[in-house]
Protein backbone atom coordinates (compact mmCIF):
# COMPACT_ATOMS: atom_id res chain seq x y z
CA UNK A 1 0.00 0.00 0.00
CA UNK A 2 2.85 2.41 0.76
CA UNK A 3 4.10 2.14 -2.84
CA UNK A 4 0.66 2.96 -4.22
CA UNK A 5 0.62 5.95 -1.88
CA UNK A 6 4.08 6.91 -3.16
CA UNK A 7 2.79 6.76 -6.75
CA UNK A 8 -0.12 9.06 -5.89
CA UNK A 9 2.29 11.51 -4.25
CA UNK A 10 4.54 11.47 -7.32
CA UNK A 11 1.53 12.03 -9.58
CA UNK A 12 0.41 14.95 -7.43
CA UNK A 13 3.87 16.53 -7.39
CA UNK A 14 4.30 16.14 -11.15
CA UNK A 15 0.90 17.64 -11.95
CA UNK A 16 1.57 20.48 -9.52
CA UNK A 17 5.04 21.51 -10.67
CA UNK A 18 5.11 20.59 -14.39
CA UNK A 19 3.28 23.77 -15.58
CA UNK A 20 5.94 25.94 -13.94
CA UNK A 21 9.03 24.19 -15.32
CA UNK A 22 10.90 25.54 -18.34
CA UNK A 23 10.80 23.51 -21.55
CA UNK A 24 14.33 22.12 -21.31
CA UNK A 25 13.93 20.98 -17.70
CA UNK A 26 10.34 19.94 -18.36
CA UNK A 27 11.55 17.23 -20.74
CA UNK A 28 13.84 15.84 -18.03
CA UNK A 29 11.09 15.84 -15.38
CA UNK A 30 8.62 14.23 -17.79
CA UNK A 31 11.10 11.47 -18.71
CA UNK A 32 11.97 10.76 -15.07
CA UNK A 33 8.28 10.70 -14.18
CA UNK A 34 7.50 8.13 -16.89
CA UNK A 35 10.50 5.92 -16.10
CA UNK A 36 9.79 5.80 -12.37
CA UNK A 37 6.17 4.67 -12.88
CA UNK A 38 6.84 0.97 -13.69
CA UNK A 39 9.39 0.76 -10.86
CA UNK A 40 6.93 2.00 -8.24
CA UNK A 41 4.07 -0.10 -9.62
CA UNK A 42 6.27 -3.21 -9.63
CA UNK A 43 7.18 -2.64 -5.98
CA UNK A 44 3.48 -2.28 -5.17
CA UNK A 45 2.50 -5.47 -7.02
CA UNK A 46 5.35 -7.36 -5.33
CA UNK A 47 3.71 -6.80 -1.94
CA UNK A 48 0.11 -7.28 -3.07
CA UNK A 49 0.25 -10.37 -5.28
CA UNK A 50 0.77 -13.96 -4.11
CA UNK A 51 0.53 -15.58 -7.55
CA UNK A 52 3.96 -17.04 -8.39
CA UNK A 53 3.67 -16.33 -12.11
CA UNK A 54 2.74 -12.70 -11.42
CA UNK A 55 5.68 -12.40 -9.03
CA UNK A 56 8.14 -13.61 -11.66
CA UNK A 57 6.79 -11.36 -14.43
CA UNK A 58 6.67 -8.43 -12.02
CA UNK A 59 10.29 -9.08 -11.01
CA UNK A 60 11.24 -8.97 -14.70
CA UNK A 61 9.50 -5.60 -15.09
CA UNK A 62 11.21 -4.28 -11.95
CA UNK A 63 14.71 -5.29 -13.09
CA UNK A 64 14.28 -3.92 -16.61
CA UNK A 65 12.65 -0.68 -15.47
CA UNK A 66 15.27 -0.06 -12.80
CA UNK A 67 18.13 -0.51 -15.26
CA UNK A 68 16.49 1.81 -17.79
CA UNK A 69 15.91 4.44 -15.09
CA UNK A 70 19.49 4.32 -13.81
CA UNK A 71 20.84 4.36 -17.36
CA UNK A 72 18.81 7.44 -18.24
CA UNK A 73 19.94 9.31 -15.12
CA UNK A 74 23.60 8.50 -15.85
CA UNK A 75 23.34 9.58 -19.46
CA UNK A 76 21.54 12.84 -18.66
CA UNK A 77 23.55 14.07 -15.69
CA UNK A 78 26.93 12.36 -15.91
CA UNK A 79 27.36 11.43 -19.55
CA UNK A 80 30.94 12.69 -19.93
CA UNK A 81 32.18 10.99 -16.75
CA UNK A 82 30.09 7.79 -16.85
CA UNK A 83 29.72 7.12 -20.56
CA UNK A 84 31.39 3.71 -20.23
CA UNK A 85 29.15 2.72 -17.31
CA UNK A 86 26.09 3.57 -19.38
CA UNK A 87 27.36 1.37 -22.19
CA UNK A 88 28.02 -1.48 -19.75
CA UNK A 89 24.45 -1.21 -18.44
CA UNK A 90 23.12 -1.41 -22.00
CA UNK A 91 25.24 -4.49 -22.69
CA UNK A 92 24.06 -6.15 -19.47
CA UNK A 93 20.45 -5.35 -20.35
CA UNK A 94 20.65 -6.67 -23.92
CA UNK A 95 22.89 -9.72 -23.46
CA UNK A 96 21.98 -10.91 -19.94
CA UNK A 97 18.80 -9.45 -18.44
CA UNK A 98 16.51 -9.58 -21.48
CA UNK A 99 17.47 -13.19 -22.48
CA UNK A 100 16.93 -14.35 -18.88
CA UNK A 101 13.58 -12.57 -18.77
CA UNK A 102 12.52 -14.16 -22.06
CA UNK A 103 13.59 -17.56 -20.75
CA UNK A 104 11.55 -17.13 -17.56
CA UNK A 105 8.40 -15.99 -19.37
CA UNK A 106 8.60 -18.91 -21.82
CA UNK A 107 8.81 -21.36 -18.93
CA UNK A 108 5.79 -19.81 -17.23
CA UNK A 109 3.67 -20.65 -20.30
CA UNK A 110 4.68 -24.32 -20.24
CA UNK A 111 4.23 -25.02 -16.53
CA UNK A 112 2.59 -28.42 -15.99
CA UNK A 113 1.24 -29.02 -12.51
CA UNK A 114 0.80 -32.75 -11.90
CA UNK A 115 -1.82 -34.11 -9.51
CA UNK A 116 -0.15 -35.30 -6.31
CA UNK A 117 -0.42 -39.01 -5.50
CA UNK A 118 1.22 -40.36 -2.38
CA UNK A 119 3.87 -42.94 -3.21
CA UNK A 120 4.83 -41.30 -6.52
CA UNK A 121 7.89 -39.14 -7.22
CA UNK A 122 7.90 -35.47 -8.21
CA UNK A 123 10.03 -32.42 -8.69
CA UNK A 124 8.50 -29.63 -6.67
CA UNK A 125 8.90 -25.94 -7.43
CA UNK A 126 8.11 -23.44 -4.72
CA UNK A 127 6.75 -20.00 -5.51
CA UNK A 128 9.44 -17.33 -5.08
CA UNK A 129 9.37 -15.71 -1.64
CA UNK A 130 12.66 -13.79 -1.73
CA UNK A 131 15.24 -12.36 -4.11
CA UNK A 132 17.07 -15.69 -4.45
CA UNK A 133 13.89 -17.49 -5.49
CA UNK A 134 13.15 -14.84 -8.10
CA UNK A 135 16.67 -15.04 -9.51
CA UNK A 136 16.33 -18.83 -9.65
CA UNK A 137 13.08 -18.41 -11.58
CA UNK A 138 14.90 -16.39 -14.25
CA UNK A 139 17.61 -19.00 -14.71
CA UNK A 140 16.19 -22.46 -14.06
CA UNK A 141 12.75 -23.39 -12.82
CA UNK A 142 9.33 -21.97 -13.73
CA UNK A 143 8.94 -20.49 -10.25
CA UNK A 144 11.78 -20.61 -7.75
CA UNK A 145 13.59 -23.12 -5.55
CA UNK A 146 13.01 -26.81 -6.29
CA UNK A 147 12.92 -29.97 -4.18
CA UNK A 148 12.37 -33.72 -4.53
CA UNK A 149 9.31 -35.63 -3.36
CA UNK A 150 9.16 -39.41 -3.19
CA UNK A 151 7.14 -41.91 -1.13
CA UNK A 152 5.54 -39.11 0.89
CA UNK A 153 8.89 -37.58 1.85
CA UNK A 154 10.32 -34.23 0.80
CA UNK A 155 14.04 -33.65 0.30
CA UNK A 156 15.00 -29.99 0.26
CA UNK A 157 17.77 -27.58 1.16
CA UNK A 158 17.29 -25.94 4.53
CA UNK A 159 19.97 -23.59 5.85
CA UNK A 160 22.36 -24.89 3.23
CA UNK A 161 21.91 -28.62 3.96
CA UNK A 162 19.66 -31.25 2.37
CA UNK A 163 17.06 -32.43 4.88
CA UNK A 164 14.30 -35.04 4.80
CA UNK A 165 10.84 -34.10 6.07
CA UNK A 166 7.30 -35.40 5.71
CA UNK A 167 5.64 -33.90 2.64
CA UNK A 168 2.57 -31.76 3.26
CA UNK A 169 0.84 -30.81 0.04
CA UNK A 170 0.34 -27.10 -0.64
CA UNK A 171 -1.15 -25.08 -3.47
CA UNK A 172 2.00 -22.95 -3.32
CA UNK A 173 3.91 -25.79 -5.01
CA UNK A 174 4.11 -26.68 -8.68
CA UNK A 175 4.67 -30.44 -9.05
CA UNK A 176 6.14 -32.24 -12.04
CA UNK A 177 5.86 -36.04 -12.16
CA UNK A 178 9.12 -37.97 -12.69
CA UNK A 179 10.04 -41.64 -12.68
CA UNK A 180 9.81 -43.32 -9.28
CA UNK A 181 12.80 -42.63 -7.06
CA UNK A 182 13.59 -45.28 -4.39
CA UNK A 183 13.49 -43.78 -0.92
CA UNK A 184 16.85 -45.36 -0.15
CA UNK A 185 18.43 -43.46 -3.05
CA UNK A 186 16.89 -40.14 -2.06
CA UNK A 187 18.04 -40.57 1.55
CA UNK A 188 21.65 -40.63 0.37
CA UNK A 189 21.28 -36.90 -0.33
CA UNK A 190 20.59 -36.01 3.31
CA UNK A 191 23.38 -33.93 4.79
CA UNK A 192 24.84 -32.68 1.51
CA UNK A 193 25.81 -29.03 1.67
CA UNK A 194 24.83 -26.30 -0.79
CA UNK A 195 27.51 -24.96 -3.12
CA UNK A 196 27.43 -23.11 -6.42
CA UNK A 197 27.66 -26.39 -8.35
CA UNK A 198 25.97 -28.54 -5.73
CA UNK A 199 22.46 -27.14 -5.33
CA UNK A 200 18.80 -28.10 -5.65
CA UNK A 201 18.89 -27.97 -9.45
CA UNK A 202 22.05 -30.00 -9.95
CA UNK A 203 21.32 -32.62 -7.25
CA UNK A 204 17.62 -33.35 -7.57
CA UNK A 205 17.53 -33.29 -11.37
CA UNK A 206 19.83 -36.33 -11.52
CA UNK A 207 16.74 -38.44 -10.79
CA UNK A 208 14.65 -37.30 -13.77
């Protein structure tokens, strides 16, 4: 709600001061006003929406809008001193951010949520609840962190270590059916520590 209130304040300030600004500065104020709109709206939606797909798409809008806003400010005010930084931001946007965003959106349209049956095996994807889950959604899964479910047990990373817990079904999860995984094989994962190359995506996907 505070971000919606911030947007209303910005709208009020812009409408109040824009008639009294000279033409050259008016263009700057107008551009800043337009570029800040998607950033503020994205922050508002982030707090109001619980739908995982909406969260991912909104995160994409927030990243892209923030980079465009920062890039514009650098080019307008500090072009001579920060020209190279502006170019680097453009390269990051075109070669890294936009491809990752396209990848995430494509995956959202092909999400298949299997019906849970006790005794079967599944990959589970949890809706993103923090910045790490949203980043994971851009790179790998359709939503966020993933885990393994087999024979009514869930194997997931908790505080950097794989743990085994009883699975309790939740609508917050997206399940994808895989071939049956023996419980004895899954239990061998317990205690493994998280590393850059030893994480939920690299470990659990070996069973697909």
